[in-house]
Structure formats: structure tokens, C-alpha cells
PDBML (XML) file of the C-alpha atoms, coordinates in Angstrom:
<?xml version="1.0" encoding="UTF-8" ?>
<PDBx:datablock datablockName="MODEL"
   xmlns:PDBx="http://pdbml.pdb.org/schema/pdbx-v50.xsd"
   xmlns:xsi="http://www.w3.org/2001/XMLSchema-instance"
   xsi:schemaLocation="http://pdbml.pdb.org/schema/pdbx-v50.xsd pdbx-v50.xsd">
   <PDBx:atom_siteCategory>
      <PDBx:atom_site id="1">
         <PDBx:B_iso_or_equiv>0.00</PDBx:B_iso_or_equiv>
         <PDBx:Cartn_x>79.058</PDBx:Cartn_x>
         <PDBx:Cartn_y>59.727</PDBx:Cartn_y>
         <PDBx:Cartn_z>9.661</PDBx:Cartn_z>
         <PDBx:auth_asym_id>A</PDBx:auth_asym_id>
         <PDBx:auth_atom_id>CA</PDBx:auth_atom_id>
         <PDBx:auth_comp_id>ARG</PDBx:auth_comp_id>
         <PDBx:auth_seq_id>1</PDBx:auth_seq_id>
         <PDBx:group_PDB>ATOM</PDBx:group_PDB>
         <PDBx:label_alt_id xsi:nil="true" />
         <PDBx:label_asym_id>A</PDBx:label_asym_id>
         <PDBx:label_atom_id>CA</PDBx:label_atom_id>
         <PDBx:label_comp_id>ARG</PDBx:label_comp_id>
         <PDBx:label_entity_id>1</PDBx:label_entity_id>
         <PDBx:label_seq_id>1</PDBx:label_seq_id>
         <PDBx:occupancy>1.00</PDBx:occupancy>
         <PDBx:pdbx_PDB_model_num>1</PDBx:pdbx_PDB_model_num>
         <PDBx:type_symbol>C</PDBx:type_symbol>
      </PDBx:atom_site>
      <PDBx:atom_site id="2">
         <PDBx:B_iso_or_equiv>0.00</PDBx:B_iso_or_equiv>
         <PDBx:Cartn_x>78.640</PDBx:Cartn_x>
         <PDBx:Cartn_y>60.228</PDBx:Cartn_y>
         <PDBx:Cartn_z>13.416</PDBx:Cartn_z>
         <PDBx:auth_asym_id>A</PDBx:auth_asym_id>
         <PDBx:auth_atom_id>CA</PDBx:auth_atom_id>
         <PDBx:auth_comp_id>LYS</PDBx:auth_comp_id>
         <PDBx:auth_seq_id>2</PDBx:auth_seq_id>
         <PDBx:group_PDB>ATOM</PDBx:group_PDB>
         <PDBx:label_alt_id xsi:nil="true" />
         <PDBx:label_asym_id>A</PDBx:label_asym_id>
         <PDBx:label_atom_id>CA</PDBx:label_atom_id>
         <PDBx:label_comp_id>LYS</PDBx:label_comp_id>
         <PDBx:label_entity_id>1</PDBx:label_entity_id>
         <PDBx:label_seq_id>2</PDBx:label_seq_id>
         <PDBx:occupancy>1.00</PDBx:occupancy>
         <PDBx:pdbx_PDB_model_num>1</PDBx:pdbx_PDB_model_num>
         <PDBx:type_symbol>C</PDBx:type_symbol>
      </PDBx:atom_site>
      <PDBx:atom_site id="3">
         <PDBx:B_iso_or_equiv>0.00</PDBx:B_iso_or_equiv>
         <PDBx:Cartn_x>78.670</PDBx:Cartn_x>
         <PDBx:Cartn_y>64.014</PDBx:Cartn_y>
         <PDBx:Cartn_z>12.997</PDBx:Cartn_z>
         <PDBx:auth_asym_id>A</PDBx:auth_asym_id>
         <PDBx:auth_atom_id>CA</PDBx:auth_atom_id>
         <PDBx:auth_comp_id>LYS</PDBx:auth_comp_id>
         <PDBx:auth_seq_id>3</PDBx:auth_seq_id>
         <PDBx:group_PDB>ATOM</PDBx:group_PDB>
         <PDBx:label_alt_id xsi:nil="true" />
         <PDBx:label_asym_id>A</PDBx:label_asym_id>
         <PDBx:label_atom_id>CA</PDBx:label_atom_id>
         <PDBx:label_comp_id>LYS</PDBx:label_comp_id>
         <PDBx:label_entity_id>1</PDBx:label_entity_id>
         <PDBx:label_seq_id>3</PDBx:label_seq_id>
         <PDBx:occupancy>1.00</PDBx:occupancy>
         <PDBx:pdbx_PDB_model_num>1</PDBx:pdbx_PDB_model_num>
         <PDBx:type_symbol>C</PDBx:type_symbol>
      </PDBx:atom_site>
      <PDBx:atom_site id="4">
         <PDBx:B_iso_or_equiv>0.00</PDBx:B_iso_or_equiv>
         <PDBx:Cartn_x>76.074</PDBx:Cartn_x>
         <PDBx:Cartn_y>63.747</PDBx:Cartn_y>
         <PDBx:Cartn_z>10.235</PDBx:Cartn_z>
         <PDBx:auth_asym_id>A</PDBx:auth_asym_id>
         <PDBx:auth_atom_id>CA</PDBx:auth_atom_id>
         <PDBx:auth_comp_id>LYS</PDBx:auth_comp_id>
         <PDBx:auth_seq_id>4</PDBx:auth_seq_id>
         <PDBx:group_PDB>ATOM</PDBx:group_PDB>
         <PDBx:label_alt_id xsi:nil="true" />
         <PDBx:label_asym_id>A</PDBx:label_asym_id>
         <PDBx:label_atom_id>CA</PDBx:label_atom_id>
         <PDBx:label_comp_id>LYS</PDBx:label_comp_id>
         <PDBx:label_entity_id>1</PDBx:label_entity_id>
         <PDBx:label_seq_id>4</PDBx:label_seq_id>
         <PDBx:occupancy>1.00</PDBx:occupancy>
         <PDBx:pdbx_PDB_model_num>1</PDBx:pdbx_PDB_model_num>
         <PDBx:type_symbol>C</PDBx:type_symbol>
      </PDBx:atom_site>
      <PDBx:atom_site id="5">
         <PDBx:B_iso_or_equiv>0.00</PDBx:B_iso_or_equiv>
         <PDBx:Cartn_x>73.994</PDBx:Cartn_x>
         <PDBx:Cartn_y>61.366</PDBx:Cartn_y>
         <PDBx:Cartn_z>12.359</PDBx:Cartn_z>
         <PDBx:auth_asym_id>A</PDBx:auth_asym_id>
         <PDBx:auth_atom_id>CA</PDBx:auth_atom_id>
         <PDBx:auth_comp_id>LYS</PDBx:auth_comp_id>
         <PDBx:auth_seq_id>5</PDBx:auth_seq_id>
         <PDBx:group_PDB>ATOM</PDBx:group_PDB>
         <PDBx:label_alt_id xsi:nil="true" />
         <PDBx:label_asym_id>A</PDBx:label_asym_id>
         <PDBx:label_atom_id>CA</PDBx:label_atom_id>
         <PDBx:label_comp_id>LYS</PDBx:label_comp_id>
         <PDBx:label_entity_id>1</PDBx:label_entity_id>
         <PDBx:label_seq_id>5</PDBx:label_seq_id>
         <PDBx:occupancy>1.00</PDBx:occupancy>
         <PDBx:pdbx_PDB_model_num>1</PDBx:pdbx_PDB_model_num>
         <PDBx:type_symbol>C</PDBx:type_symbol>
      </PDBx:atom_site>
      <PDBx:atom_site id="6">
         <PDBx:B_iso_or_equiv>0.00</PDBx:B_iso_or_equiv>
         <PDBx:Cartn_x>74.095</PDBx:Cartn_x>
         <PDBx:Cartn_y>63.759</PDBx:Cartn_y>
         <PDBx:Cartn_z>15.318</PDBx:Cartn_z>
         <PDBx:auth_asym_id>A</PDBx:auth_asym_id>
         <PDBx:auth_atom_id>CA</PDBx:auth_atom_id>
         <PDBx:auth_comp_id>GLN</PDBx:auth_comp_id>
         <PDBx:auth_seq_id>6</PDBx:auth_seq_id>
         <PDBx:group_PDB>ATOM</PDBx:group_PDB>
         <PDBx:label_alt_id xsi:nil="true" />
         <PDBx:label_asym_id>A</PDBx:label_asym_id>
         <PDBx:label_atom_id>CA</PDBx:label_atom_id>
         <PDBx:label_comp_id>GLN</PDBx:label_comp_id>
         <PDBx:label_entity_id>1</PDBx:label_entity_id>
         <PDBx:label_seq_id>6</PDBx:label_seq_id>
         <PDBx:occupancy>1.00</PDBx:occupancy>
         <PDBx:pdbx_PDB_model_num>1</PDBx:pdbx_PDB_model_num>
         <PDBx:type_symbol>C</PDBx:type_symbol>
      </PDBx:atom_site>
      <PDBx:atom_site id="7">
         <PDBx:B_iso_or_equiv>0.00</PDBx:B_iso_or_equiv>
         <PDBx:Cartn_x>73.185</PDBx:Cartn_x>
         <PDBx:Cartn_y>66.646</PDBx:Cartn_y>
         <PDBx:Cartn_z>13.013</PDBx:Cartn_z>
         <PDBx:auth_asym_id>A</PDBx:auth_asym_id>
         <PDBx:auth_atom_id>CA</PDBx:auth_atom_id>
         <PDBx:auth_comp_id>LYS</PDBx:auth_comp_id>
         <PDBx:auth_seq_id>7</PDBx:auth_seq_id>
         <PDBx:group_PDB>ATOM</PDBx:group_PDB>
         <PDBx:label_alt_id xsi:nil="true" />
         <PDBx:label_asym_id>A</PDBx:label_asym_id>
         <PDBx:label_atom_id>CA</PDBx:label_atom_id>
         <PDBx:label_comp_id>LYS</PDBx:label_comp_id>
         <PDBx:label_entity_id>1</PDBx:label_entity_id>
         <PDBx:label_seq_id>7</PDBx:label_seq_id>
         <PDBx:occupancy>1.00</PDBx:occupancy>
         <PDBx:pdbx_PDB_model_num>1</PDBx:pdbx_PDB_model_num>
         <PDBx:type_symbol>C</PDBx:type_symbol>
      </PDBx:atom_site>
      <PDBx:atom_site id="8">
         <PDBx:B_iso_or_equiv>0.00</PDBx:B_iso_or_equiv>
         <PDBx:Cartn_x>70.220</PDBx:Cartn_x>
         <PDBx:Cartn_y>64.687</PDBx:Cartn_y>
         <PDBx:Cartn_z>11.606</PDBx:Cartn_z>
         <PDBx:auth_asym_id>A</PDBx:auth_asym_id>
         <PDBx:auth_atom_id>CA</PDBx:auth_atom_id>
         <PDBx:auth_comp_id>ASP</PDBx:auth_comp_id>
         <PDBx:auth_seq_id>8</PDBx:auth_seq_id>
         <PDBx:group_PDB>ATOM</PDBx:group_PDB>
         <PDBx:label_alt_id xsi:nil="true" />
         <PDBx:label_asym_id>A</PDBx:label_asym_id>
         <PDBx:label_atom_id>CA</PDBx:label_atom_id>
         <PDBx:label_comp_id>ASP</PDBx:label_comp_id>
         <PDBx:label_entity_id>1</PDBx:label_entity_id>
         <PDBx:label_seq_id>8</PDBx:label_seq_id>
         <PDBx:occupancy>1.00</PDBx:occupancy>
         <PDBx:pdbx_PDB_model_num>1</PDBx:pdbx_PDB_model_num>
         <PDBx:type_symbol>C</PDBx:type_symbol>
      </PDBx:atom_site>
      <PDBx:atom_site id="9">
         <PDBx:B_iso_or_equiv>0.00</PDBx:B_iso_or_equiv>
         <PDBx:Cartn_x>69.249</PDBx:Cartn_x>
         <PDBx:Cartn_y>63.406</PDBx:Cartn_y>
         <PDBx:Cartn_z>15.056</PDBx:Cartn_z>
         <PDBx:auth_asym_id>A</PDBx:auth_asym_id>
         <PDBx:auth_atom_id>CA</PDBx:auth_atom_id>
         <PDBx:auth_comp_id>TYR</PDBx:auth_comp_id>
         <PDBx:auth_seq_id>9</PDBx:auth_seq_id>
         <PDBx:group_PDB>ATOM</PDBx:group_PDB>
         <PDBx:label_alt_id xsi:nil="true" />
         <PDBx:label_asym_id>A</PDBx:label_asym_id>
         <PDBx:label_atom_id>CA</PDBx:label_atom_id>
         <PDBx:label_comp_id>TYR</PDBx:label_comp_id>
         <PDBx:label_entity_id>1</PDBx:label_entity_id>
         <PDBx:label_seq_id>9</PDBx:label_seq_id>
         <PDBx:occupancy>1.00</PDBx:occupancy>
         <PDBx:pdbx_PDB_model_num>1</PDBx:pdbx_PDB_model_num>
         <PDBx:type_symbol>C</PDBx:type_symbol>
      </PDBx:atom_site>
      <PDBx:atom_site id="10">
         <PDBx:B_iso_or_equiv>0.00</PDBx:B_iso_or_equiv>
         <PDBx:Cartn_x>65.492</PDBx:Cartn_x>
         <PDBx:Cartn_y>63.664</PDBx:Cartn_y>
         <PDBx:Cartn_z>15.444</PDBx:Cartn_z>
         <PDBx:auth_asym_id>A</PDBx:auth_asym_id>
         <PDBx:auth_atom_id>CA</PDBx:auth_atom_id>
         <PDBx:auth_comp_id>GLN</PDBx:auth_comp_id>
         <PDBx:auth_seq_id>10</PDBx:auth_seq_id>
         <PDBx:group_PDB>ATOM</PDBx:group_PDB>
         <PDBx:label_alt_id xsi:nil="true" />
         <PDBx:label_asym_id>A</PDBx:label_asym_id>
         <PDBx:label_atom_id>CA</PDBx:label_atom_id>
         <PDBx:label_comp_id>GLN</PDBx:label_comp_id>
         <PDBx:label_entity_id>1</PDBx:label_entity_id>
         <PDBx:label_seq_id>10</PDBx:label_seq_id>
         <PDBx:occupancy>1.00</PDBx:occupancy>
         <PDBx:pdbx_PDB_model_num>1</PDBx:pdbx_PDB_model_num>
         <PDBx:type_symbol>C</PDBx:type_symbol>
      </PDBx:atom_site>
      <PDBx:atom_site id="11">
         <PDBx:B_iso_or_equiv>0.00</PDBx:B_iso_or_equiv>
         <PDBx:Cartn_x>64.160</PDBx:Cartn_x>
         <PDBx:Cartn_y>62.183</PDBx:Cartn_y>
         <PDBx:Cartn_z>18.708</PDBx:Cartn_z>
         <PDBx:auth_asym_id>A</PDBx:auth_asym_id>
         <PDBx:auth_atom_id>CA</PDBx:auth_atom_id>
         <PDBx:auth_comp_id>PRO</PDBx:auth_comp_id>
         <PDBx:auth_seq_id>11</PDBx:auth_seq_id>
         <PDBx:group_PDB>ATOM</PDBx:group_PDB>
         <PDBx:label_alt_id xsi:nil="true" />
         <PDBx:label_asym_id>A</PDBx:label_asym_id>
         <PDBx:label_atom_id>CA</PDBx:label_atom_id>
         <PDBx:label_comp_id>PRO</PDBx:label_comp_id>
         <PDBx:label_entity_id>1</PDBx:label_entity_id>
         <PDBx:label_seq_id>11</PDBx:label_seq_id>
         <PDBx:occupancy>1.00</PDBx:occupancy>
         <PDBx:pdbx_PDB_model_num>1</PDBx:pdbx_PDB_model_num>
         <PDBx:type_symbol>C</PDBx:type_symbol>
      </PDBx:atom_site>
      <PDBx:atom_site id="12">
         <PDBx:B_iso_or_equiv>0.00</PDBx:B_iso_or_equiv>
         <PDBx:Cartn_x>61.035</PDBx:Cartn_x>
         <PDBx:Cartn_y>60.052</PDBx:Cartn_y>
         <PDBx:Cartn_z>18.261</PDBx:Cartn_z>
         <PDBx:auth_asym_id>A</PDBx:auth_asym_id>
         <PDBx:auth_atom_id>CA</PDBx:auth_atom_id>
         <PDBx:auth_comp_id>ASN</PDBx:auth_comp_id>
         <PDBx:auth_seq_id>12</PDBx:auth_seq_id>
         <PDBx:group_PDB>ATOM</PDBx:group_PDB>
         <PDBx:label_alt_id xsi:nil="true" />
         <PDBx:label_asym_id>A</PDBx:label_asym_id>
         <PDBx:label_atom_id>CA</PDBx:label_atom_id>
         <PDBx:label_comp_id>ASN</PDBx:label_comp_id>
         <PDBx:label_entity_id>1</PDBx:label_entity_id>
         <PDBx:label_seq_id>12</PDBx:label_seq_id>
         <PDBx:occupancy>1.00</PDBx:occupancy>
         <PDBx:pdbx_PDB_model_num>1</PDBx:pdbx_PDB_model_num>
         <PDBx:type_symbol>C</PDBx:type_symbol>
      </PDBx:atom_site>
      <PDBx:atom_site id="13">
         <PDBx:B_iso_or_equiv>0.00</PDBx:B_iso_or_equiv>
         <PDBx:Cartn_x>60.862</PDBx:Cartn_x>
         <PDBx:Cartn_y>58.299</PDBx:Cartn_y>
         <PDBx:Cartn_z>21.649</PDBx:Cartn_z>
         <PDBx:auth_asym_id>A</PDBx:auth_asym_id>
         <PDBx:auth_atom_id>CA</PDBx:auth_atom_id>
         <PDBx:auth_comp_id>TYR</PDBx:auth_comp_id>
         <PDBx:auth_seq_id>13</PDBx:auth_seq_id>
         <PDBx:group_PDB>ATOM</PDBx:group_PDB>
         <PDBx:label_alt_id xsi:nil="true" />
         <PDBx:label_asym_id>A</PDBx:label_asym_id>
         <PDBx:label_atom_id>CA</PDBx:label_atom_id>
         <PDBx:label_comp_id>TYR</PDBx:label_comp_id>
         <PDBx:label_entity_id>1</PDBx:label_entity_id>
         <PDBx:label_seq_id>13</PDBx:label_seq_id>
         <PDBx:occupancy>1.00</PDBx:occupancy>
         <PDBx:pdbx_PDB_model_num>1</PDBx:pdbx_PDB_model_num>
         <PDBx:type_symbol>C</PDBx:type_symbol>
      </PDBx:atom_site>
      <PDBx:atom_site id="14">
         <PDBx:B_iso_or_equiv>0.00</PDBx:B_iso_or_equiv>
         <PDBx:Cartn_x>61.200</PDBx:Cartn_x>
         <PDBx:Cartn_y>59.530</PDBx:Cartn_y>
         <PDBx:Cartn_z>25.217</PDBx:Cartn_z>
         <PDBx:auth_asym_id>A</PDBx:auth_asym_id>
         <PDBx:auth_atom_id>CA</PDBx:auth_atom_id>
         <PDBx:auth_comp_id>PHE</PDBx:auth_comp_id>
         <PDBx:auth_seq_id>14</PDBx:auth_seq_id>
         <PDBx:group_PDB>ATOM</PDBx:group_PDB>
         <PDBx:label_alt_id xsi:nil="true" />
         <PDBx:label_asym_id>A</PDBx:label_asym_id>
         <PDBx:label_atom_id>CA</PDBx:label_atom_id>
         <PDBx:label_comp_id>PHE</PDBx:label_comp_id>
         <PDBx:label_entity_id>1</PDBx:label_entity_id>
         <PDBx:label_seq_id>14</PDBx:label_seq_id>
         <PDBx:occupancy>1.00</PDBx:occupancy>
         <PDBx:pdbx_PDB_model_num>1</PDBx:pdbx_PDB_model_num>
         <PDBx:type_symbol>C</PDBx:type_symbol>
      </PDBx:atom_site>
      <PDBx:atom_site id="15">
         <PDBx:B_iso_or_equiv>0.00</PDBx:B_iso_or_equiv>
         <PDBx:Cartn_x>61.266</PDBx:Cartn_x>
         <PDBx:Cartn_y>58.428</PDBx:Cartn_y>
         <PDBx:Cartn_z>28.832</PDBx:Cartn_z>
         <PDBx:auth_asym_id>A</PDBx:auth_asym_id>
         <PDBx:auth_atom_id>CA</PDBx:auth_atom_id>
         <PDBx:auth_comp_id>LEU</PDBx:auth_comp_id>
         <PDBx:auth_seq_id>15</PDBx:auth_seq_id>
         <PDBx:group_PDB>ATOM</PDBx:group_PDB>
         <PDBx:label_alt_id xsi:nil="true" />
         <PDBx:label_asym_id>A</PDBx:label_asym_id>
         <PDBx:label_atom_id>CA</PDBx:label_atom_id>
         <PDBx:label_comp_id>LEU</PDBx:label_comp_id>
         <PDBx:label_entity_id>1</PDBx:label_entity_id>
         <PDBx:label_seq_id>15</PDBx:label_seq_id>
         <PDBx:occupancy>1.00</PDBx:occupancy>
         <PDBx:pdbx_PDB_model_num>1</PDBx:pdbx_PDB_model_num>
         <PDBx:type_symbol>C</PDBx:type_symbol>
      </PDBx:atom_site>
      <PDBx:atom_site id="16">
         <PDBx:B_iso_or_equiv>0.00</PDBx:B_iso_or_equiv>
         <PDBx:Cartn_x>58.550</PDBx:Cartn_x>
         <PDBx:Cartn_y>60.054</PDBx:Cartn_y>
         <PDBx:Cartn_z>30.910</PDBx:Cartn_z>
         <PDBx:auth_asym_id>A</PDBx:auth_asym_id>
         <PDBx:auth_atom_id>CA</PDBx:auth_atom_id>
         <PDBx:auth_comp_id>SER</PDBx:auth_comp_id>
         <PDBx:auth_seq_id>16</PDBx:auth_seq_id>
         <PDBx:group_PDB>ATOM</PDBx:group_PDB>
         <PDBx:label_alt_id xsi:nil="true" />
         <PDBx:label_asym_id>A</PDBx:label_asym_id>
         <PDBx:label_atom_id>CA</PDBx:label_atom_id>
         <PDBx:label_comp_id>SER</PDBx:label_comp_id>
         <PDBx:label_entity_id>1</PDBx:label_entity_id>
         <PDBx:label_seq_id>16</PDBx:label_seq_id>
         <PDBx:occupancy>1.00</PDBx:occupancy>
         <PDBx:pdbx_PDB_model_num>1</PDBx:pdbx_PDB_model_num>
         <PDBx:type_symbol>C</PDBx:type_symbol>
      </PDBx:atom_site>
      <PDBx:atom_site id="17">
         <PDBx:B_iso_or_equiv>0.00</PDBx:B_iso_or_equiv>
         <PDBx:Cartn_x>57.434</PDBx:Cartn_x>
         <PDBx:Cartn_y>60.244</PDBx:Cartn_y>
         <PDBx:Cartn_z>34.507</PDBx:Cartn_z>
         <PDBx:auth_asym_id>A</PDBx:auth_asym_id>
         <PDBx:auth_atom_id>CA</PDBx:auth_atom_id>
         <PDBx:auth_comp_id>ILE</PDBx:auth_comp_id>
         <PDBx:auth_seq_id>17</PDBx:auth_seq_id>
         <PDBx:group_PDB>ATOM</PDBx:group_PDB>
         <PDBx:label_alt_id xsi:nil="true" />
         <PDBx:label_asym_id>A</PDBx:label_asym_id>
         <PDBx:label_atom_id>CA</PDBx:label_atom_id>
         <PDBx:label_comp_id>ILE</PDBx:label_comp_id>
         <PDBx:label_entity_id>1</PDBx:label_entity_id>
         <PDBx:label_seq_id>17</PDBx:label_seq_id>
         <PDBx:occupancy>1.00</PDBx:occupancy>
         <PDBx:pdbx_PDB_model_num>1</PDBx:pdbx_PDB_model_num>
         <PDBx:type_symbol>C</PDBx:type_symbol>
      </PDBx:atom_site>
      <PDBx:atom_site id="18">
         <PDBx:B_iso_or_equiv>0.00</PDBx:B_iso_or_equiv>
         <PDBx:Cartn_x>53.606</PDBx:Cartn_x>
         <PDBx:Cartn_y>60.083</PDBx:Cartn_y>
         <PDBx:Cartn_z>34.363</PDBx:Cartn_z>
         <PDBx:auth_asym_id>A</PDBx:auth_asym_id>
         <PDBx:auth_atom_id>CA</PDBx:auth_atom_id>
         <PDBx:auth_comp_id>PRO</PDBx:auth_comp_id>
         <PDBx:auth_seq_id>18</PDBx:auth_seq_id>
         <PDBx:group_PDB>ATOM</PDBx:group_PDB>
         <PDBx:label_alt_id xsi:nil="true" />
         <PDBx:label_asym_id>A</PDBx:label_asym_id>
         <PDBx:label_atom_id>CA</PDBx:label_atom_id>
         <PDBx:label_comp_id>PRO</PDBx:label_comp_id>
         <PDBx:label_entity_id>1</PDBx:label_entity_id>
         <PDBx:label_seq_id>18</PDBx:label_seq_id>
         <PDBx:occupancy>1.00</PDBx:occupancy>
         <PDBx:pdbx_PDB_model_num>1</PDBx:pdbx_PDB_model_num>
         <PDBx:type_symbol>C</PDBx:type_symbol>
      </PDBx:atom_site>
      <PDBx:atom_site id="19">
         <PDBx:B_iso_or_equiv>0.00</PDBx:B_iso_or_equiv>
         <PDBx:Cartn_x>51.745</PDBx:Cartn_x>
         <PDBx:Cartn_y>62.663</PDBx:Cartn_y>
         <PDBx:Cartn_z>36.443</PDBx:Cartn_z>
         <PDBx:auth_asym_id>A</PDBx:auth_asym_id>
         <PDBx:auth_atom_id>CA</PDBx:auth_atom_id>
         <PDBx:auth_comp_id>ILE</PDBx:auth_comp_id>
         <PDBx:auth_seq_id>19</PDBx:auth_seq_id>
         <PDBx:group_PDB>ATOM</PDBx:group_PDB>
         <PDBx:label_alt_id xsi:nil="true" />
         <PDBx:label_asym_id>A</PDBx:label_asym_id>
         <PDBx:label_atom_id>CA</PDBx:label_atom_id>
         <PDBx:label_comp_id>ILE</PDBx:label_comp_id>
         <PDBx:label_entity_id>1</PDBx:label_entity_id>
         <PDBx:label_seq_id>19</PDBx:label_seq_id>
         <PDBx:occupancy>1.00</PDBx:occupancy>
         <PDBx:pdbx_PDB_model_num>1</PDBx:pdbx_PDB_model_num>
         <PDBx:type_symbol>C</PDBx:type_symbol>
      </PDBx:atom_site>
      <PDBx:atom_site id="20">
         <PDBx:B_iso_or_equiv>0.00</PDBx:B_iso_or_equiv>
         <PDBx:Cartn_x>48.704</PDBx:Cartn_x>
         <PDBx:Cartn_y>60.996</PDBx:Cartn_y>
         <PDBx:Cartn_z>37.974</PDBx:Cartn_z>
         <PDBx:auth_asym_id>A</PDBx:auth_asym_id>
         <PDBx:auth_atom_id>CA</PDBx:auth_atom_id>
         <PDBx:auth_comp_id>THR</PDBx:auth_comp_id>
         <PDBx:auth_seq_id>20</PDBx:auth_seq_id>
         <PDBx:group_PDB>ATOM</PDBx:group_PDB>
         <PDBx:label_alt_id xsi:nil="true" />
         <PDBx:label_asym_id>A</PDBx:label_asym_id>
         <PDBx:label_atom_id>CA</PDBx:label_atom_id>
         <PDBx:label_comp_id>THR</PDBx:label_comp_id>
         <PDBx:label_entity_id>1</PDBx:label_entity_id>
         <PDBx:label_seq_id>20</PDBx:label_seq_id>
         <PDBx:occupancy>1.00</PDBx:occupancy>
         <PDBx:pdbx_PDB_model_num>1</PDBx:pdbx_PDB_model_num>
         <PDBx:type_symbol>C</PDBx:type_symbol>
      </PDBx:atom_site>
      <PDBx:atom_site id="21">
         <PDBx:B_iso_or_equiv>0.00</PDBx:B_iso_or_equiv>
         <PDBx:Cartn_x>47.991</PDBx:Cartn_x>
         <PDBx:Cartn_y>62.955</PDBx:Cartn_y>
         <PDBx:Cartn_z>41.184</PDBx:Cartn_z>
         <PDBx:auth_asym_id>A</PDBx:auth_asym_id>
         <PDBx:auth_atom_id>CA</PDBx:auth_atom_id>
         <PDBx:auth_comp_id>ASN</PDBx:auth_comp_id>
         <PDBx:auth_seq_id>21</PDBx:auth_seq_id>
         <PDBx:group_PDB>ATOM</PDBx:group_PDB>
         <PDBx:label_alt_id xsi:nil="true" />
         <PDBx:label_asym_id>A</PDBx:label_asym_id>
         <PDBx:label_atom_id>CA</PDBx:label_atom_id>
         <PDBx:label_comp_id>ASN</PDBx:label_comp_id>
         <PDBx:label_entity_id>1</PDBx:label_entity_id>
         <PDBx:label_seq_id>21</PDBx:label_seq_id>
         <PDBx:occupancy>1.00</PDBx:occupancy>
         <PDBx:pdbx_PDB_model_num>1</PDBx:pdbx_PDB_model_num>
         <PDBx:type_symbol>C</PDBx:type_symbol>
      </PDBx:atom_site>
      <PDBx:atom_site id="22">
         <PDBx:B_iso_or_equiv>0.00</PDBx:B_iso_or_equiv>
         <PDBx:Cartn_x>44.420</PDBx:Cartn_x>
         <PDBx:Cartn_y>64.178</PDBx:Cartn_y>
         <PDBx:Cartn_z>40.695</PDBx:Cartn_z>
         <PDBx:auth_asym_id>A</PDBx:auth_asym_id>
         <PDBx:auth_atom_id>CA</PDBx:auth_atom_id>
         <PDBx:auth_comp_id>LYS</PDBx:auth_comp_id>
         <PDBx:auth_seq_id>22</PDBx:auth_seq_id>
         <PDBx:group_PDB>ATOM</PDBx:group_PDB>
         <PDBx:label_alt_id xsi:nil="true" />
         <PDBx:label_asym_id>A</PDBx:label_asym_id>
         <PDBx:label_atom_id>CA</PDBx:label_atom_id>
         <PDBx:label_comp_id>LYS</PDBx:label_comp_id>
         <PDBx:label_entity_id>1</PDBx:label_entity_id>
         <PDBx:label_seq_id>22</PDBx:label_seq_id>
         <PDBx:occupancy>1.00</PDBx:occupancy>
         <PDBx:pdbx_PDB_model_num>1</PDBx:pdbx_PDB_model_num>
         <PDBx:type_symbol>C</PDBx:type_symbol>
      </PDBx:atom_site>
      <PDBx:atom_site id="23">
         <PDBx:B_iso_or_equiv>0.00</PDBx:B_iso_or_equiv>
         <PDBx:Cartn_x>45.155</PDBx:Cartn_x>
         <PDBx:Cartn_y>67.395</PDBx:Cartn_y>
         <PDBx:Cartn_z>42.560</PDBx:Cartn_z>
         <PDBx:auth_asym_id>A</PDBx:auth_asym_id>
         <PDBx:auth_atom_id>CA</PDBx:auth_atom_id>
         <PDBx:auth_comp_id>LYS</PDBx:auth_comp_id>
         <PDBx:auth_seq_id>23</PDBx:auth_seq_id>
         <PDBx:group_PDB>ATOM</PDBx:group_PDB>
         <PDBx:label_alt_id xsi:nil="true" />
         <PDBx:label_asym_id>A</PDBx:label_asym_id>
         <PDBx:label_atom_id>CA</PDBx:label_atom_id>
         <PDBx:label_comp_id>LYS</PDBx:label_comp_id>
         <PDBx:label_entity_id>1</PDBx:label_entity_id>
         <PDBx:label_seq_id>23</PDBx:label_seq_id>
         <PDBx:occupancy>1.00</PDBx:occupancy>
         <PDBx:pdbx_PDB_model_num>1</PDBx:pdbx_PDB_model_num>
         <PDBx:type_symbol>C</PDBx:type_symbol>
      </PDBx:atom_site>
      <PDBx:atom_site id="24">
         <PDBx:B_iso_or_equiv>0.00</PDBx:B_iso_or_equiv>
         <PDBx:Cartn_x>47.862</PDBx:Cartn_x>
         <PDBx:Cartn_y>68.278</PDBx:Cartn_y>
         <PDBx:Cartn_z>40.002</PDBx:Cartn_z>
         <PDBx:auth_asym_id>A</PDBx:auth_asym_id>
         <PDBx:auth_atom_id>CA</PDBx:auth_atom_id>
         <PDBx:auth_comp_id>ILE</PDBx:auth_comp_id>
         <PDBx:auth_seq_id>24</PDBx:auth_seq_id>
         <PDBx:group_PDB>ATOM</PDBx:group_PDB>
         <PDBx:label_alt_id xsi:nil="true" />
         <PDBx:label_asym_id>A</PDBx:label_asym_id>
         <PDBx:label_atom_id>CA</PDBx:label_atom_id>
         <PDBx:label_comp_id>ILE</PDBx:label_comp_id>
         <PDBx:label_entity_id>1</PDBx:label_entity_id>
         <PDBx:label_seq_id>24</PDBx:label_seq_id>
         <PDBx:occupancy>1.00</PDBx:occupancy>
         <PDBx:pdbx_PDB_model_num>1</PDBx:pdbx_PDB_model_num>
         <PDBx:type_symbol>C</PDBx:type_symbol>
      </PDBx:atom_site>
   </PDBx:atom_siteCategory>
</PDBx:datablock>
């Protein structure tokens, strides 16, 4: 089941570092 779960693993969330520097 774990192997199948890993195989079917589709990310739908993520951790992000927002880029807010106006120069960038």
C-alpha cells in the first residue's frame, strides 16, 4: 500500500518563501 501510495503521490500543497523585495 505504501509503495502504491508513493507511486500515486501527487503534491497539492507546498511550503514557500515569499519574495517581496521590490527590486527583485
